[in-house]
C-alpha atoms as a PDB file:
ATOM      1  CA  UNK A   1       0.079   0.095  -0.009  1.00  0.00           C
ATOM      2  CA  UNK A   2       1.526   3.411  -0.992  1.00  0.00           C
ATOM      3  CA  UNK A   3       2.326   5.910   1.442  1.00  0.00           C
ATOM      4  CA  UNK A   4      -0.161   8.868   2.395  1.00  0.00           C
ATOM      5  CA  UNK A   5       1.667  12.287   1.776  1.00  0.00           C
ATOM      6  CA  UNK A   6       2.177  14.137   4.854  1.00  0.00           C
ATOM      7  CA  UNK A   7      -0.393  16.707   5.584  1.00  0.00           C
ATOM      8  CA  UNK A   8      -0.014  20.283   6.198  1.00  0.00           C
ATOM      9  CA  UNK A   9      -0.650  20.904   9.986  1.00  0.00           C
ATOM     10  CA  UNK A  10      -2.348  24.318   9.323  1.00  0.00           C
ATOM     11  CA  UNK A  11      -4.765  22.219   6.941  1.00  0.00           C
ATOM     12  CA  UNK A  12      -5.479  19.747   9.147  1.00  0.00           C
ATOM     13  CA  UNK A  13      -6.527  22.395  12.235  1.00  0.00           C
ATOM     14  CA  UNK A  14      -8.761  24.034   9.501  1.00  0.00           C
ATOM     15  CA  UNK A  15     -10.230  20.625   8.448  1.00  0.00           C
ATOM     16  CA  UNK A  16     -11.405  20.027  11.922  1.00  0.00           C
ATOM     17  CA  UNK A  17     -13.041  23.452  12.241  1.00  0.00           C
ATOM     18  CA  UNK A  18     -14.939  22.783   9.296  1.00  0.00           C
ATOM     19  CA  UNK A  19     -16.772  19.674  10.538  1.00  0.00           C
ATOM     20  CA  UNK A  20     -18.463  21.445  13.185  1.00  0.00           C
ATOM     21  CA  UNK A  21     -19.538  24.450  10.714  1.00  0.00           C
ATOM     22  CA  UNK A  22     -22.665  24.829   9.371  1.00  0.00           C
ATOM     23  CA  UNK A  23     -23.147  24.257   5.476  1.00  0.00           C
ATOM     24  CA  UNK A  24     -23.560  27.780   4.703  1.00  0.00           C
ATOM     25  CA  UNK A  25     -20.595  29.380   6.452  1.00  0.00           C
ATOM     26  CA  UNK A  26     -18.088  26.729   5.560  1.00  0.00           C
ATOM     27  CA  UNK A  27     -17.504  28.606   1.747  1.00  0.00           C
ATOM     28  CA  UNK A  28     -16.907  31.686   3.524  1.00  0.00           C
ATOM     29  CA  UNK A  29     -14.358  29.897   5.739  1.00  0.00           C
ATOM     30  CA  UNK A  30     -12.397  27.944   2.651  1.00  0.00           C
ATOM     31  CA  UNK A  31     -11.987  31.256   0.746  1.00  0.00           C
ATOM     32  CA  UNK A  32     -10.606  32.777   4.090  1.00  0.00           C
ATOM     33  CA  UNK A  33      -8.277  30.077   4.716  1.00  0.00           C
ATOM     34  CA  UNK A  34      -7.197  30.067   0.865  1.00  0.00           C
ATOM     35  CA  UNK A  35      -6.159  33.819   0.823  1.00  0.00           C
ATOM     36  CA  UNK A  36      -4.304  33.330   4.315  1.00  0.00           C
ATOM     37  CA  UNK A  37      -2.117  30.370   3.061  1.00  0.00           C
ATOM     38  CA  UNK A  38      -1.598  32.419  -0.436  1.00  0.00           C
ATOM     39  CA  UNK A  39      -0.270  35.244   1.545  1.00  0.00           C
ATOM     40  CA  UNK A  40       1.823  33.177   3.952  1.00  0.00           C
ATOM     41  CA  UNK A  41       3.470  31.485   0.844  1.00  0.00           C
ATOM     42  CA  UNK A  42       4.054  34.562  -1.021  1.00  0.00           C
ATOM     43  CA  UNK A  43       3.316  35.287  -4.820  1.00  0.00           C
ATOM     44  CA  UNK A  44       5.283  33.678  -7.435  1.00  0.00           C
ATOM     45  CA  UNK A  45       5.629  36.673  -9.118  1.00  0.00           C
ATOM     46  CA  UNK A  46       8.274  37.839  -6.590  1.00  0.00           C
ATOM     47  CA  UNK A  47      10.489  34.850  -7.165  1.00  0.00           C
ATOM     48  CA  UNK A  48      13.242  35.474  -9.297  1.00  0.00           C
ATOM     49  CA  UNK A  49      13.148  33.845 -13.071  1.00  0.00           C
ATOM     50  CA  UNK A  50      14.760  34.467 -16.151  1.00  0.00           C
ATOM     51  CA  UNK A  51      17.109  37.381 -16.681  1.00  0.00           C
ATOM     52  CA  UNK A  52      16.780  39.786 -19.410  1.00  0.00           C
ATOM     53  CA  UNK A  53      18.912  39.160 -22.323  1.00  0.00           C
ATOM     54  CA  UNK A  54      21.432  41.371 -23.703  1.00  0.00           C
ATOM     55  CA  UNK A  55      20.498  42.533 -27.598  1.00  0.00           C
ATOM     56  CA  UNK A  56      24.224  41.282 -28.341  1.00  0.00           C
ATOM     57  CA  UNK A  57      24.259  38.168 -26.449  1.00  0.00           C
ATOM     58  CA  UNK A  58      25.886  35.641 -26.694  1.00  0.00           C
ATOM     59  CA  UNK A  59      28.879  38.024 -27.549  1.00  0.00           C
ATOM     60  CA  UNK A  60      29.408  38.324 -23.771  1.00  0.00           C
ATOM     61  CA  UNK A  61      29.911  34.775 -22.953  1.00  0.00           C
ATOM     62  CA  UNK A  62      32.290  34.573 -26.030  1.00  0.00           C
ATOM     63  CA  UNK A  63      34.228  37.646 -24.905  1.00  0.00           C
ATOM     64  CA  UNK A  64      34.311  35.880 -21.442  1.00  0.00           C
ATOM     65  CA  UNK A  65      35.808  32.674 -22.938  1.00  0.00           C
ATOM     66  CA  UNK A  66      38.652  34.418 -24.656  1.00  0.00           C
ATOM     67  CA  UNK A  67      39.611  36.217 -21.471  1.00  0.00           C
ATOM     68  CA  UNK A  68      39.629  33.121 -19.710  1.00  0.00           C
ATOM     69  CA  UNK A  69      41.662  31.132 -22.197  1.00  0.00           C
ATOM     70  CA  UNK A  70      44.397  34.320 -21.788  1.00  0.00           C
ATOM     71  CA  UNK A  71      44.444  34.263 -18.201  1.00  0.00           C
ATOM     72  CA  UNK A  72      45.166  30.236 -18.153  1.00  0.00           C
ATOM     73  CA  UNK A  73      47.693  30.401 -20.639  1.00  0.00           C
ATOM     74  CA  UNK A  74      49.668  33.649 -19.289  1.00  0.00           C
ATOM     75  CA  UNK A  75      53.019  33.508 -18.018  1.00  0.00           C
ATOM     76  CA  UNK A  76      51.787  32.539 -14.382  1.00  0.00           C
ATOM     77  CA  UNK A  77      48.391  31.048 -15.747  1.00  0.00           C
ATOM     78  CA  UNK A  78      47.398  27.906 -14.371  1.00  0.00           C
ATOM     79  CA  UNK A  79      47.961  25.864 -17.529  1.00  0.00           C
ATOM     80  CA  UNK A  80      51.902  26.703 -16.886  1.00  0.00           C
ATOM     81  CA  UNK A  81      52.192  25.705 -13.728  1.00  0.00           C
ATOM     82  CA  UNK A  82      54.467  22.799 -13.353  1.00  0.00           C
ATOM     83  CA  UNK A  83      55.043  22.498  -9.137  1.00  0.00           C
ATOM     84  CA  UNK A  84      53.976  23.998  -5.968  1.00  0.00           C
ATOM     85  CA  UNK A  85      56.801  23.156  -3.188  1.00  0.00           C
ATOM     86  CA  UNK A  86      56.532  24.140   0.312  1.00  0.00           C
ATOM     87  CA  UNK A  87      59.602  25.253   2.199  1.00  0.00           C
ATOM     88  CA  UNK A  88      60.995  23.807   5.554  1.00  0.00           C
ATOM     89  CA  UNK A  89      62.167  25.596   8.461  1.00  0.00           C
ATOM     90  CA  UNK A  90      65.687  26.627   7.754  1.00  0.00           C
ATOM     91  CA  UNK A  91      67.765  26.175   4.447  1.00  0.00           C
ATOM     92  CA  UNK A  92      66.074  24.789   1.702  1.00  0.00           C
ATOM     93  CA  UNK A  93      68.503  23.941  -1.166  1.00  0.00           C
ATOM     94  CA  UNK A  94      67.304  24.583  -4.853  1.00  0.00           C
ATOM     95  CA  UNK A  95      68.370  23.031  -8.249  1.00  0.00           C
ATOM     96  CA  UNK A  96      68.144  20.737 -10.842  1.00  0.00           C
ATOM     97  CA  UNK A  97      69.866  18.136  -8.801  1.00  0.00           C
ATOM     98  CA  UNK A  98      68.120  14.866  -7.264  1.00  0.00           C
ATOM     99  CA  UNK A  99      69.769  15.709  -4.183  1.00  0.00           C
ATOM    100  CA  UNK A 100      68.264  19.441  -3.898  1.00  0.00           C
ATOM    101  CA  UNK A 101      65.383  19.955  -1.177  1.00  0.00           C
ATOM    102  CA  UNK A 102      63.766  22.071  -4.071  1.00  0.00           C
ATOM    103  CA  UNK A 103      64.186  20.146  -7.276  1.00  0.00           C
ATOM    104  CA  UNK A 104      63.417  22.207 -10.293  1.00  0.00           C
ATOM    105  CA  UNK A 105      62.561  20.435 -13.641  1.00  0.00           C
ATOM    106  CA  UNK A 106      65.735  18.429 -14.978  1.00  0.00           C
ATOM    107  CA  UNK A 107      67.916  20.583 -17.158  1.00  0.00           C
ATOM    108  CA  UNK A 108      65.922  23.553 -16.541  1.00  0.00           C
ATOM    109  CA  UNK A 109      68.637  25.390 -14.031  1.00  0.00           C
ATOM    110  CA  UNK A 110      71.723  24.734 -12.486  1.00  0.00           C
ATOM    111  CA  UNK A 111      72.219  21.655 -10.340  1.00  0.00           C
ATOM    112  CA  UNK A 112      72.715  23.854  -7.384  1.00  0.00           C
ATOM    113  CA  UNK A 113      71.034  27.084  -7.753  1.00  0.00           C
ATOM    114  CA  UNK A 114      70.883  28.630  -4.538  1.00  0.00           C
ATOM    115  CA  UNK A 115      69.144  28.374  -1.215  1.00  0.00           C
ATOM    116  CA  UNK A 116      65.991  29.730  -0.073  1.00  0.00           C
ATOM    117  CA  UNK A 117      66.431  30.611   3.948  1.00  0.00           C
ATOM    118  CA  UNK A 118      62.988  30.682   5.671  1.00  0.00           C
ATOM    119  CA  UNK A 119      62.893  32.089   9.205  1.00  0.00           C
ATOM    120  CA  UNK A 120      59.611  32.216  10.695  1.00  0.00           C
ATOM    121  CA  UNK A 121      57.322  33.593   7.673  1.00  0.00           C
ATOM    122  CA  UNK A 122      60.086  35.234   5.886  1.00  0.00           C
ATOM    123  CA  UNK A 123      61.967  34.015   3.005  1.00  0.00           C
ATOM    124  CA  UNK A 124      65.632  34.998   1.643  1.00  0.00           C
ATOM    125  CA  UNK A 125      67.285  33.797  -1.637  1.00  0.00           C
ATOM    126  CA  UNK A 126      70.886  33.396  -1.810  1.00  0.00           C
ATOM    127  CA  UNK A 127      72.034  32.411  -5.685  1.00  0.00           C
ATOM    128  CA  UNK A 128      74.881  30.382  -6.581  1.00  0.00           C
ATOM    129  CA  UNK A 129      77.756  32.335  -8.586  1.00  0.00           C
ATOM    130  CA  UNK A 130      76.881  29.947 -11.328  1.00  0.00           C
ATOM    131  CA  UNK A 131      73.361  30.849 -11.560  1.00  0.00           C
ATOM    132  CA  UNK A 132      71.978  33.794 -13.291  1.00  0.00           C
ATOM    133  CA  UNK A 133      68.575  34.700 -11.694  1.00  0.00           C
ATOM    134  CA  UNK A 134      66.578  37.829 -12.943  1.00  0.00           C
ATOM    135  CA  UNK A 135      63.860  39.945 -10.607  1.00  0.00           C
ATOM    136  CA  UNK A 136      60.989  39.908 -13.627  1.00  0.00           C
ATOM    137  CA  UNK A 137      59.763  43.505 -13.269  1.00  0.00           C
ATOM    138  CA  UNK A 138      63.026  45.254 -12.692  1.00  0.00           C
ATOM    139  CA  UNK A 139      65.286  43.031 -15.242  1.00  0.00           C
ATOM    140  CA  UNK A 140      67.972  43.306 -12.343  1.00  0.00           C
ATOM    141  CA  UNK A 141      70.115  40.142 -11.590  1.00  0.00           C
ATOM    142  CA  UNK A 142      69.548  38.688  -8.149  1.00  0.00           C
ATOM    143  CA  UNK A 143      72.144  37.377  -5.822  1.00  0.00           C
ATOM    144  CA  UNK A 144      70.774  37.796  -2.265  1.00  0.00           C
ATOM    145  CA  UNK A 145      67.296  39.404  -1.470  1.00  0.00           C
ATOM    146  CA  UNK A 146      64.492  39.262   0.939  1.00  0.00           C
ATOM    147  CA  UNK A 147      61.614  37.651  -1.388  1.00  0.00           C
ATOM    148  CA  UNK A 148      58.960  37.429   1.138  1.00  0.00           C
ATOM    149  CA  UNK A 149      57.683  39.565   3.857  1.00  0.00           C
ATOM    150  CA  UNK A 150      54.640  39.102   5.387  1.00  0.00           C
ATOM    151  CA  UNK A 151      54.480  42.614   6.718  1.00  0.00           C
ATOM    152  CA  UNK A 152      54.813  44.243   3.479  1.00  0.00           C
ATOM    153  CA  UNK A 153      52.427  45.912   1.257  1.00  0.00           C
ATOM    154  CA  UNK A 154      53.763  44.688  -1.975  1.00  0.00           C
ATOM    155  CA  UNK A 155      53.312  41.296  -3.887  1.00  0.00           C
ATOM    156  CA  UNK A 156      56.363  38.862  -3.777  1.00  0.00           C
ATOM    157  CA  UNK A 157      58.587  39.448  -6.390  1.00  0.00           C
ATOM    158  CA  UNK A 158      58.617  37.119  -9.423  1.00  0.00           C
ATOM    159  CA  UNK A 159      61.953  35.345 -10.251  1.00  0.00           C
ATOM    160  CA  UNK A 160      62.708  34.076 -13.686  1.00  0.00           C
ATOM    161  CA  UNK A 161      65.581  31.871 -15.079  1.00  0.00           C
ATOM    162  CA  UNK A 162      65.264  30.634 -18.778  1.00  0.00           C
ATOM    163  CA  UNK A 163      61.830  29.537 -19.385  1.00  0.00           C
ATOM    164  CA  UNK A 164      61.071  29.427 -15.488  1.00  0.00           C
ATOM    165  CA  UNK A 165      59.231  31.789 -13.394  1.00  0.00           C
ATOM    166  CA  UNK A 166      58.673  31.643  -9.941  1.00  0.00           C
ATOM    167  CA  UNK A 167      57.708  33.202  -6.744  1.00  0.00           C
ATOM    168  CA  UNK A 168      56.671  32.470  -3.035  1.00  0.00           C
ATOM    169  CA  UNK A 169      53.072  31.422  -2.292  1.00  0.00           C
ATOM    170  CA  UNK A 170      51.432  31.906   0.977  1.00  0.00           C
ATOM    171  CA  UNK A 171      48.506  29.207   2.120  1.00  0.00           C
ATOM    172  CA  UNK A 172      47.604  29.750   5.777  1.00  0.00           C
ATOM    173  CA  UNK A 173      51.149  29.157   7.764  1.00  0.00           C
ATOM    174  CA  UNK A 174      52.480  27.347   4.953  1.00  0.00           C
ATOM    175  CA  UNK A 175      55.091  28.917   2.343  1.00  0.00           C
ATOM    176  CA  UNK A 176      55.839  27.553  -0.881  1.00  0.00           C
ATOM    177  CA  UNK A 177      57.609  28.090  -4.319  1.00  0.00           C
ATOM    178  CA  UNK A 178      54.945  28.244  -7.161  1.00  0.00           C
ATOM    179  CA  UNK A 179      56.837  27.228 -10.077  1.00  0.00           C
ATOM    180  CA  UNK A 180      55.619  28.169 -14.052  1.00  0.00           C
ATOM    181  CA  UNK A 181      57.403  26.952 -17.094  1.00  0.00           C
ATOM    182  CA  UNK A 182      56.712  29.220 -20.176  1.00  0.00           C
ATOM    183  CA  UNK A 183      57.804  26.002 -22.653  1.00  0.00           C
ATOM    184  CA  UNK A 184      54.576  24.323 -21.541  1.00  0.00           C
ATOM    185  CA  UNK A 185      53.159  23.314 -25.502  1.00  0.00           C
ATOM    186  CA  UNK A 186      49.990  22.093 -24.116  1.00  0.00           C
ATOM    187  CA  UNK A 187      49.236  25.510 -22.969  1.00  0.00           C
ATOM    188  CA  UNK A 188      50.069  27.272 -26.283  1.00  0.00           C
ATOM    189  CA  UNK A 189      47.784  24.952 -28.031  1.00  0.00           C
ATOM    190  CA  UNK A 190      44.909  25.431 -25.972  1.00  0.00           C
ATOM    191  CA  UNK A 191      42.024  26.620 -27.165  1.00  0.00           C
ATOM    192  CA  UNK A 192      39.395  26.227 -24.144  1.00  0.00           C
ATOM    193  CA  UNK A 193      37.806  23.002 -21.870  1.00  0.00           C
ATOM    194  CA  UNK A 194      34.542  21.207 -23.393  1.00  0.00           C
ATOM    195  CA  UNK A 195      31.643  22.981 -22.576  1.00  0.00           C
ATOM    196  CA  UNK A 196      27.733  22.999 -23.087  1.00  0.00           C
ATOM    197  CA  UNK A 197      26.481  24.962 -25.653  1.00  0.00           C
ATOM    198  CA  UNK A 198      25.377  28.436 -24.471  1.00  0.00           C
ATOM    199  CA  UNK A 199      21.961  28.534 -23.470  1.00  0.00           C
ATOM    200  CA  UNK A 200      19.991  31.942 -22.942  1.00  0.00           C
ATOM    201  CA  UNK A 201      17.488  30.168 -20.175  1.00  0.00           C
ATOM    202  CA  UNK A 202      20.699  29.705 -18.070  1.00  0.00           C
ATOM    203  CA  UNK A 203      21.016  33.244 -17.623  1.00  0.00           C
ATOM    204  CA  UNK A 204      18.798  33.569 -14.280  1.00  0.00           C
ATOM    205  CA  UNK A 205      17.632  36.583 -12.034  1.00  0.00           C
ATOM    206  CA  UNK A 206      18.954  36.267  -8.486  1.00  0.00           C
ATOM    207  CA  UNK A 207      18.363  38.039  -5.257  1.00  0.00           C
ATOM    208  CA  UNK A 208      20.910  38.805  -2.683  1.00  0.00           C
ATOM    209  CA  UNK A 209      20.100  38.440   0.898  1.00  0.00           C
ATOM    210  CA  UNK A 210      22.592  40.130   3.212  1.00  0.00           C
ATOM    211  CA  UNK A 211      24.154  38.198   5.980  1.00  0.00           C
ATOM    212  CA  UNK A 212      25.322  39.626   9.393  1.00  0.00           C
ATOM    213  CA  UNK A 213      28.547  41.830   8.931  1.00  0.00           C
ATOM    214  CA  UNK A 214      30.997  39.082  10.641  1.00  0.00           C
ATOM    215  CA  UNK A 215      29.304  36.007   9.227  1.00  0.00           C
ATOM    216  CA  UNK A 216      31.709  33.442   8.134  1.00  0.00           C
ATOM    217  CA  UNK A 217      31.425  29.911   6.580  1.00  0.00           C
ATOM    218  CA  UNK A 218      33.826  27.122   6.980  1.00  0.00           C
ATOM    219  CA  UNK A 219      35.399  25.603   3.734  1.00  0.00           C
ATOM    220  CA  UNK A 220      37.750  23.055   3.188  1.00  0.00           C
ATOM    221  CA  UNK A 221      40.651  22.924   0.108  1.00  0.00           C
ATOM    222  CA  UNK A 222      41.856  20.237  -1.482  1.00  0.00           C
ATOM    223  CA  UNK A 223      44.553  19.273   1.058  1.00  0.00           C
ATOM    224  CA  UNK A 224      41.628  18.906   3.671  1.00  0.00           C
ATOM    225  CA  UNK A 225      42.548  22.087   5.178  1.00  0.00           C
ATOM    226  CA  UNK A 226      39.384  24.227   6.989  1.00  0.00           C
ATOM    227  CA  UNK A 227      39.184  27.831   6.436  1.00  0.00           C
ATOM    228  CA  UNK A 228      36.759  30.385   7.618  1.00  0.00           C
ATOM    229  CA  UNK A 229      35.764  32.596   5.061  1.00  0.00           C
ATOM    230  CA  UNK A 230      33.769  35.965   5.345  1.00  0.00           C
ATOM    231  CA  UNK A 231      30.284  35.528   3.312  1.00  0.00           C
ATOM    232  CA  UNK A 232      28.438  38.704   2.859  1.00  0.00           C
ATOM    233  CA  UNK A 233      25.505  36.642   2.195  1.00  0.00           C
ATOM    234  CA  UNK A 234      23.560  34.314  -0.170  1.00  0.00           C
ATOM    235  CA  UNK A 235      21.896  34.406  -3.723  1.00  0.00           C
ATOM    236  CA  UNK A 236      18.590  33.103  -4.311  1.00  0.00           C
ATOM    237  CA  UNK A 237      17.324  32.292  -7.672  1.00  0.00           C
ATOM    238  CA  UNK A 238      14.799  29.521  -9.535  1.00  0.00           C
ATOM    239  CA  UNK A 239      15.293  26.603 -11.768  1.00  0.00           C
ATOM    240  CA  UNK A 240      12.043  25.034 -13.094  1.00  0.00           C
ATOM    241  CA  UNK A 241      10.185  27.065 -10.536  1.00  0.00           C
ATOM    242  CA  UNK A 242      11.937  25.685  -7.759  1.00  0.00           C
ATOM    243  CA  UNK A 243      13.775  28.342  -5.511  1.00  0.00           C
ATOM    244  CA  UNK A 244      17.547  27.944  -5.030  1.00  0.00           C
ATOM    245  CA  UNK A 245      20.210  29.365  -3.115  1.00  0.00           C
ATOM    246  CA  UNK A 246      24.296  29.697  -2.856  1.00  0.00           C
ATOM    247  CA  UNK A 247      26.156  31.085  -0.006  1.00  0.00           C
ATOM    248  CA  UNK A 248      28.512  33.880  -2.067  1.00  0.00           C
ATOM    249  CA  UNK A 249      32.072  34.946  -0.799  1.00  0.00           C
ATOM    250  CA  UNK A 250      33.680  38.110  -1.717  1.00  0.00           C
ATOM    251  CA  UNK A 251      35.976  38.392  -4.898  1.00  0.00           C
ATOM    252  CA  UNK A 252      37.369  41.843  -6.390  1.00  0.00           C
ATOM    253  CA  UNK A 253      35.610  41.763  -9.148  1.00  0.00           C
ATOM    254  CA  UNK A 254      31.980  40.343  -7.371  1.00  0.00           C
ATOM    255  CA  UNK A 255      30.368  37.907  -5.931  1.00  0.00           C
ATOM    256  CA  UNK A 256      32.192  34.584  -6.020  1.00  0.00           C
ATOM    257  CA  UNK A 257      30.100  31.058  -6.042  1.00  0.00           C
ATOM    258  CA  UNK A 258      31.241  27.711  -5.642  1.00  0.00           C
ATOM    259  CA  UNK A 259      28.649  25.081  -6.246  1.00  0.00           C
ATOM    260  CA  UNK A 260      28.299  21.315  -7.123  1.00  0.00           C
ATOM    261  CA  UNK A 261      25.103  19.854  -9.097  1.00  0.00           C
ATOM    262  CA  UNK A 262      24.111  16.548 -10.577  1.00  0.00           C
ATOM    263  CA  UNK A 263      26.186  16.923 -13.912  1.00  0.00           C
ATOM    264  CA  UNK A 264      29.281  16.316 -11.674  1.00  0.00           C
ATOM    265  CA  UNK A 265      28.358  12.460 -11.899  1.00  0.00           C
ATOM    266  CA  UNK A 266      29.629  11.965 -15.450  1.00  0.00           C
ATOM    267  CA  UNK A 267      29.830  15.676 -17.191  1.00  0.00           C
ATOM    268  CA  UNK A 268      31.448  18.202 -15.129  1.00  0.00           C
ATOM    269  CA  UNK A 269      34.295  18.179 -12.485  1.00  0.00           C
ATOM    270  CA  UNK A 270      33.123  16.225  -9.798  1.00  0.00           C
ATOM    271  CA  UNK A 271      34.276  18.214  -6.981  1.00  0.00           C
ATOM    272  CA  UNK A 272      32.615  21.469  -8.005  1.00  0.00           C
ATOM    273  CA  UNK A 273      32.507  24.856 -10.218  1.00  0.00           C
ATOM    274  CA  UNK A 274      33.005  28.350  -9.809  1.00  0.00           C
ATOM    275  CA  UNK A 275      31.428  31.328 -10.967  1.00  0.00           C
ATOM    276  CA  UNK A 276      32.173  35.128 -10.259  1.00  0.00           C
ATOM    277  CA  UNK A 277      29.028  37.285 -10.680  1.00  0.00           C
ATOM    278  CA  UNK A 278      28.035  41.186 -10.433  1.00  0.00           C
ATOM    279  CA  UNK A 279      28.010  42.746  -7.024  1.00  0.00           C
ATOM    280  CA  UNK A 280      24.082  43.334  -6.352  1.00  0.00           C
ATOM    281  CA  UNK A 281      22.608  46.642  -7.371  1.00  0.00           C
ATOM    282  CA  UNK A 282      20.983  48.894  -4.459  1.00  0.00           C
ATOM    283  CA  UNK A 283      17.767  46.785  -4.764  1.00  0.00           C
ATOM    284  CA  UNK A 284      19.638  43.848  -3.949  1.00  0.00           C
ATOM    285  CA  UNK A 285      19.513  42.217  -7.329  1.00  0.00           C
ATOM    286  CA  UNK A 286      22.018  40.658  -9.853  1.00  0.00           C
ATOM    287  CA  UNK A 287      22.433  38.021 -12.717  1.00  0.00           C
ATOM    288  CA  UNK A 288      23.581  34.530 -12.425  1.00  0.00           C
ATOM    289  CA  UNK A 289      24.639  33.540 -15.646  1.00  0.00           C
ATOM    290  CA  UNK A 290      25.476  29.745 -15.693  1.00  0.00           C
ATOM    291  CA  UNK A 291      27.074  29.673 -19.290  1.00  0.00           C
ATOM    292  CA  UNK A 292      30.069  31.207 -17.501  1.00  0.00           C
ATOM    293  CA  UNK A 293      30.302  28.467 -14.578  1.00  0.00           C
ATOM    294  CA  UNK A 294      34.040  27.673 -14.830  1.00  0.00           C
ATOM    295  CA  UNK A 295      36.164  24.765 -13.552  1.00  0.00           C
ATOM    296  CA  UNK A 296      38.577  25.414 -10.064  1.00  0.00           C
ATOM    297  CA  UNK A 297      42.001  24.558 -10.914  1.00  0.00           C
ATOM    298  CA  UNK A 298      41.969  21.737  -9.267  1.00  0.00           C
ATOM    299  CA  UNK A 299      39.917  20.309 -12.124  1.00  0.00           C
ATOM    300  CA  UNK A 300      43.393  20.550 -14.270  1.00  0.00           C
ATOM    301  CA  UNK A 301      46.221  20.766 -12.079  1.00  0.00           C
ATOM    302  CA  UNK A 302      47.435  18.889  -9.035  1.00  0.00           C
ATOM    303  CA  UNK A 303      49.685  21.672  -8.010  1.00  0.00           C
ATOM    304  CA  UNK A 304      46.688  23.530  -6.288  1.00  0.00           C
ATOM    305  CA  UNK A 305      45.156  24.488  -3.036  1.00  0.00           C
ATOM    306  CA  UNK A 306      41.589  25.379  -4.483  1.00  0.00           C
ATOM    307  CA  UNK A 307      38.923  25.523  -1.983  1.00  0.00           C
ATOM    308  CA  UNK A 308      35.813  22.965  -2.631  1.00  0.00           C
ATOM    309  CA  UNK A 309      32.159  24.311  -2.396  1.00  0.00           C
ATOM    310  CA  UNK A 310      30.291  23.999   1.120  1.00  0.00           C
ATOM    311  CA  UNK A 311      27.712  21.397   1.576  1.00  0.00           C
ATOM    312  CA  UNK A 312      24.851  23.717   1.372  1.00  0.00           C
ATOM    313  CA  UNK A 313      25.819  24.902  -2.310  1.00  0.00           C
ATOM    314  CA  UNK A 314      25.516  21.667  -3.362  1.00  0.00           C
ATOM    315  CA  UNK A 315      22.440  21.540  -5.805  1.00  0.00           C
ATOM    316  CA  UNK A 316      19.968  18.518  -6.481  1.00  0.00           C
ATOM    317  CA  UNK A 317      19.543  19.828  -9.966  1.00  0.00           C
ATOM    318  CA  UNK A 318      21.719  19.712 -12.862  1.00  0.00           C
ATOM    319  CA  UNK A 319      23.274  22.912 -14.095  1.00  0.00           C
ATOM    320  CA  UNK A 320      23.748  21.972 -18.134  1.00  0.00           C
ATOM    321  CA  UNK A 321      25.678  25.037 -18.722  1.00  0.00           C
ATOM    322  CA  UNK A 322      29.186  26.361 -18.571  1.00  0.00           C
ATOM    323  CA  UNK A 323      32.555  24.047 -18.964  1.00  0.00           C
ATOM    324  CA  UNK A 324      32.710  20.567 -18.724  1.00  0.00           C
ATOM    325  CA  UNK A 325      35.136  18.252 -17.124  1.00  0.00           C
ATOM    326  CA  UNK A 326      38.494  18.514 -18.422  1.00  0.00           C
ATOM    327  CA  UNK A 327      40.173  16.158 -20.969  1.00  0.00           C
ATOM    328  CA  UNK A 328      43.685  15.296 -21.236  1.00  0.00           C
ATOM    329  CA  UNK A 329      44.790  17.365 -18.023  1.00  0.00           C
ATOM    330  CA  UNK A 330      45.562  15.879 -14.769  1.00  0.00           C
ATOM    331  CA  UNK A 331      43.799  17.371 -11.937  1.00  0.00           C
ATOM    332  CA  UNK A 332      43.003  16.172  -8.349  1.00  0.00           C
ATOM    333  CA  UNK A 333      40.806  13.124  -8.653  1.00  0.00           C
ATOM    334  CA  UNK A 334      40.319  11.943  -5.319  1.00  0.00           C
ATOM    335  CA  UNK A 335      37.852  14.274  -3.546  1.00  0.00           C
END
């Protein structure tokens, strides 16, 4: 025998009252109850739906795709990242030798190129006499220099040798050498990841629901580290008439969204995708264009520390828009 659907407690109470009312009054009470329920649930017209489409659409998506390809293949783009090597306290000898503490690719630099000195959260480099290392911005040769200082307001300098380029990156209390190689043929040939056809129906209106100023959400990265990130609020939108929401984070150019959906089973990256959307307007309205959903760097590089969507951002729908799972690239799979 099939199970009966759950009954609404409010309706149960009303029905019990209807049983003792006179027939002439019942219609009025039913009408009043219906209006009360409709008011409590809100009008469907209040829900966000499909967004207004610009006349030049999908040109904005195509321009964004070209911009993304340029960012990924830049000299320090994710597709040219060849390693992320964490530094230990004290001396870290680096070079192409197998005996080096920090091993650069074979033949890319002298066997012993120098030393990274790590003291607390500061890094100093000492370069061997046989090695030429250039500070990228100034073009000056480096022999001994402080290359990471947590108290400095300036970004860490980018250093280069041959086709290699690197800088010191911080993740929590860890410091590492983020190493790139301009000699990366796959990056040179890159023309974009597989993606769904652009579909205007995936351009959705969204309303922003602000959170308290000190609201934080715990997220985890691919290394298993827990991070508390400030969240200014969430965005609400509809898909097939269902009201959904995603907790948002702050980015320089807008609100940053991390989400998973049912396409992660076999079409998109299983750990989720990212999006940047415009900051809300004065009426707390914005637009989510799922055609711009993109792969996090851990989808195509093992040398990343990208963050994963929080549990509340796991959507039980299929978002058939944006980038699909990368093909021919080695990402982080065991998530």
